[in-house]
Amino acid sequence: MPLAERKQYDIRLPVLTPTLVRKKSLAEEITALDVMAFQTMLLPLTAEDPNNKTFRYEGHDIVTLEKIVERDYKVPEPQTAQEVIGY
């Protein structure tokens, strides 16, 4: 129970709300996505397709979105069945 003689020292605490509030549900966010507008690399359809042998990597700074690294990599020939499944 509060003590009456200490009432003069009473400090009111503000009512706080959560810092993060989701304005939409996750289902609404997913429904709003237009997956057909995504820009994706097409998978190679034949063994002779140049996209089957090399790929380009771009590294971006997560804060400034500045491109930091850009490299072309050569895909090595698979040596085992596990490499094929992993690819």
C-alpha atoms as a PDB file:
ATOM      1  CA  MET A   1       0.000   0.000   0.000  1.00  0.00           C
ATOM      2  CA  PRO A   2       1.265   3.525  -0.722  1.00  0.00           C
ATOM      3  CA  LEU A   3       2.411   5.512   2.287  1.00  0.00           C
ATOM      4  CA  ALA A   4       0.468   8.750   2.800  1.00  0.00           C
ATOM      5  CA  GLU A   5       3.517  10.626   4.151  1.00  0.00           C
ATOM      6  CA  ARG A   6       5.389   9.953   0.844  1.00  0.00           C
ATOM      7  CA  LYS A   7       2.625  11.157  -1.455  1.00  0.00           C
ATOM      8  CA  GLN A   8       4.498  14.447  -2.059  1.00  0.00           C
ATOM      9  CA  TYR A   9       7.280  12.429  -3.752  1.00  0.00           C
ATOM     10  CA  ASP A  10       4.913  10.662  -6.126  1.00  0.00           C
ATOM     11  CA  ILE A  11       6.122  10.740  -9.727  1.00  0.00           C
ATOM     12  CA  ARG A  12       3.728  10.029 -12.570  1.00  0.00           C
ATOM     13  CA  LEU A  13       4.975   7.591 -15.189  1.00  0.00           C
ATOM     14  CA  PRO A  14       4.001   8.226 -18.793  1.00  0.00           C
ATOM     15  CA  VAL A  15       2.005   5.628 -20.687  1.00  0.00           C
ATOM     16  CA  LEU A  16       4.344   4.295 -23.369  1.00  0.00           C
ATOM     17  CA  THR A  17       3.500   2.552 -26.620  1.00  0.00           C
ATOM     18  CA  PRO A  18       5.649  -0.056 -28.360  1.00  0.00           C
ATOM     19  CA  THR A  19       8.452   1.349 -30.504  1.00  0.00           C
ATOM     20  CA  LEU A  20       7.661  -0.871 -33.466  1.00  0.00           C
ATOM     21  CA  VAL A  21       4.106  -1.173 -34.670  1.00  0.00           C
ATOM     22  CA  ARG A  22       3.153  -3.220 -37.714  1.00  0.00           C
ATOM     23  CA  LYS A  23       0.749  -1.160 -39.823  1.00  0.00           C
ATOM     24  CA  LYS A  24      -0.152  -4.127 -42.042  1.00  0.00           C
ATOM     25  CA  SER A  25      -0.270  -7.811 -41.328  1.00  0.00           C
ATOM     26  CA  LEU A  26       2.315 -10.078 -42.903  1.00  0.00           C
ATOM     27  CA  ALA A  27      -0.404 -11.625 -45.082  1.00  0.00           C
ATOM     28  CA  GLU A  28      -1.298  -8.144 -46.436  1.00  0.00           C
ATOM     29  CA  GLU A  29       2.370  -7.415 -47.183  1.00  0.00           C
ATOM     30  CA  ILE A  30       2.757 -10.705 -49.092  1.00  0.00           C
ATOM     31  CA  THR A  31      -0.493 -10.184 -51.003  1.00  0.00           C
ATOM     32  CA  ALA A  32       0.688  -6.723 -52.104  1.00  0.00           C
ATOM     33  CA  LEU A  33       3.872  -8.148 -53.727  1.00  0.00           C
ATOM     34  CA  ASP A  34       3.898  -8.373 -57.523  1.00  0.00           C
ATOM     35  CA  VAL A  35       6.205 -11.352 -58.046  1.00  0.00           C
ATOM     36  CA  MET A  36       5.930 -11.132 -61.839  1.00  0.00           C
ATOM     37  CA  ALA A  37       7.681  -7.725 -61.689  1.00  0.00           C
ATOM     38  CA  PHE A  38      10.792  -9.172 -59.974  1.00  0.00           C
ATOM     39  CA  GLN A  39      13.964  -8.907 -62.063  1.00  0.00           C
ATOM     40  CA  THR A  40      15.616 -12.326 -61.879  1.00  0.00           C
ATOM     41  CA  MET A  41      18.291 -14.091 -63.867  1.00  0.00           C
ATOM     42  CA  LEU A  42      16.915 -16.793 -66.151  1.00  0.00           C
ATOM     43  CA  LEU A  43      18.188 -20.285 -65.509  1.00  0.00           C
ATOM     44  CA  PRO A  44      20.310 -21.759 -68.307  1.00  0.00           C
ATOM     45  CA  LEU A  45      18.302 -24.033 -70.574  1.00  0.00           C
ATOM     46  CA  THR A  46      21.168 -25.775 -72.355  1.00  0.00           C
ATOM     47  CA  ALA A  47      24.694 -26.873 -71.500  1.00  0.00           C
ATOM     48  CA  GLU A  48      26.073 -24.413 -74.096  1.00  0.00           C
ATOM     49  CA  ASP A  49      24.323 -21.406 -72.541  1.00  0.00           C
ATOM     50  CA  PRO A  50      26.987 -18.889 -71.350  1.00  0.00           C
ATOM     51  CA  ASN A  51      24.982 -18.316 -68.143  1.00  0.00           C
ATOM     52  CA  ASN A  52      25.680 -21.953 -67.332  1.00  0.00           C
ATOM     53  CA  LYS A  53      29.445 -21.298 -67.134  1.00  0.00           C
ATOM     54  CA  THR A  54      29.792 -17.891 -65.440  1.00  0.00           C
ATOM     55  CA  PHE A  55      27.898 -15.538 -63.152  1.00  0.00           C
ATOM     56  CA  ARG A  56      28.325 -11.950 -61.984  1.00  0.00           C
ATOM     57  CA  TYR A  57      28.447 -11.043 -58.271  1.00  0.00           C
ATOM     58  CA  GLU A  58      27.742  -7.524 -57.033  1.00  0.00           C
ATOM     59  CA  GLY A  59      28.344  -6.559 -53.389  1.00  0.00           C
ATOM     60  CA  HIS A  60      26.522  -3.495 -52.049  1.00  0.00           C
ATOM     61  CA  ASP A  61      26.903  -1.538 -48.812  1.00  0.00           C
ATOM     62  CA  ILE A  62      23.751  -2.217 -46.801  1.00  0.00           C
ATOM     63  CA  VAL A  63      23.485   1.369 -45.499  1.00  0.00           C
ATOM     64  CA  THR A  64      24.408   3.506 -48.515  1.00  0.00           C
ATOM     65  CA  LEU A  65      23.488   0.926 -51.214  1.00  0.00           C
ATOM     66  CA  GLU A  66      26.755   1.833 -52.931  1.00  0.00           C
ATOM     67  CA  LYS A  67      28.217  -0.945 -55.102  1.00  0.00           C
ATOM     68  CA  ILE A  68      31.502  -1.982 -53.477  1.00  0.00           C
ATOM     69  CA  VAL A  69      32.450  -5.185 -55.312  1.00  0.00           C
ATOM     70  CA  GLU A  70      31.687  -6.477 -58.794  1.00  0.00           C
ATOM     71  CA  ARG A  71      33.202  -9.753 -59.983  1.00  0.00           C
ATOM     72  CA  ASP A  72      32.646 -12.404 -62.623  1.00  0.00           C
ATOM     73  CA  TYR A  73      32.989 -15.991 -61.441  1.00  0.00           C
ATOM     74  CA  LYS A  74      33.448 -19.134 -63.486  1.00  0.00           C
ATOM     75  CA  VAL A  75      31.328 -22.118 -62.433  1.00  0.00           C
ATOM     76  CA  PRO A  76      33.548 -25.213 -62.166  1.00  0.00           C
ATOM     77  CA  GLU A  77      32.499 -28.527 -63.658  1.00  0.00           C
ATOM     78  CA  PRO A  78      30.809 -30.726 -61.034  1.00  0.00           C
ATOM     79  CA  GLN A  79      32.964 -33.600 -59.788  1.00  0.00           C
ATOM     80  CA  THR A  80      30.414 -35.480 -57.644  1.00  0.00           C
ATOM     81  CA  ALA A  81      26.664 -36.080 -57.550  1.00  0.00           C
ATOM     82  CA  GLN A  82      26.458 -34.007 -54.337  1.00  0.00           C
ATOM     83  CA  GLU A  83      27.800 -30.957 -56.203  1.00  0.00           C
ATOM     84  CA  VAL A  84      25.112 -31.346 -58.857  1.00  0.00           C
ATOM     85  CA  ILE A  85      22.372 -31.607 -56.235  1.00  0.00           C
ATOM     86  CA  GLY A  86      23.831 -28.683 -54.266  1.00  0.00           C
ATOM     87  CA  TYR A  87      23.890 -26.462 -57.365  1.00  0.00           C
END
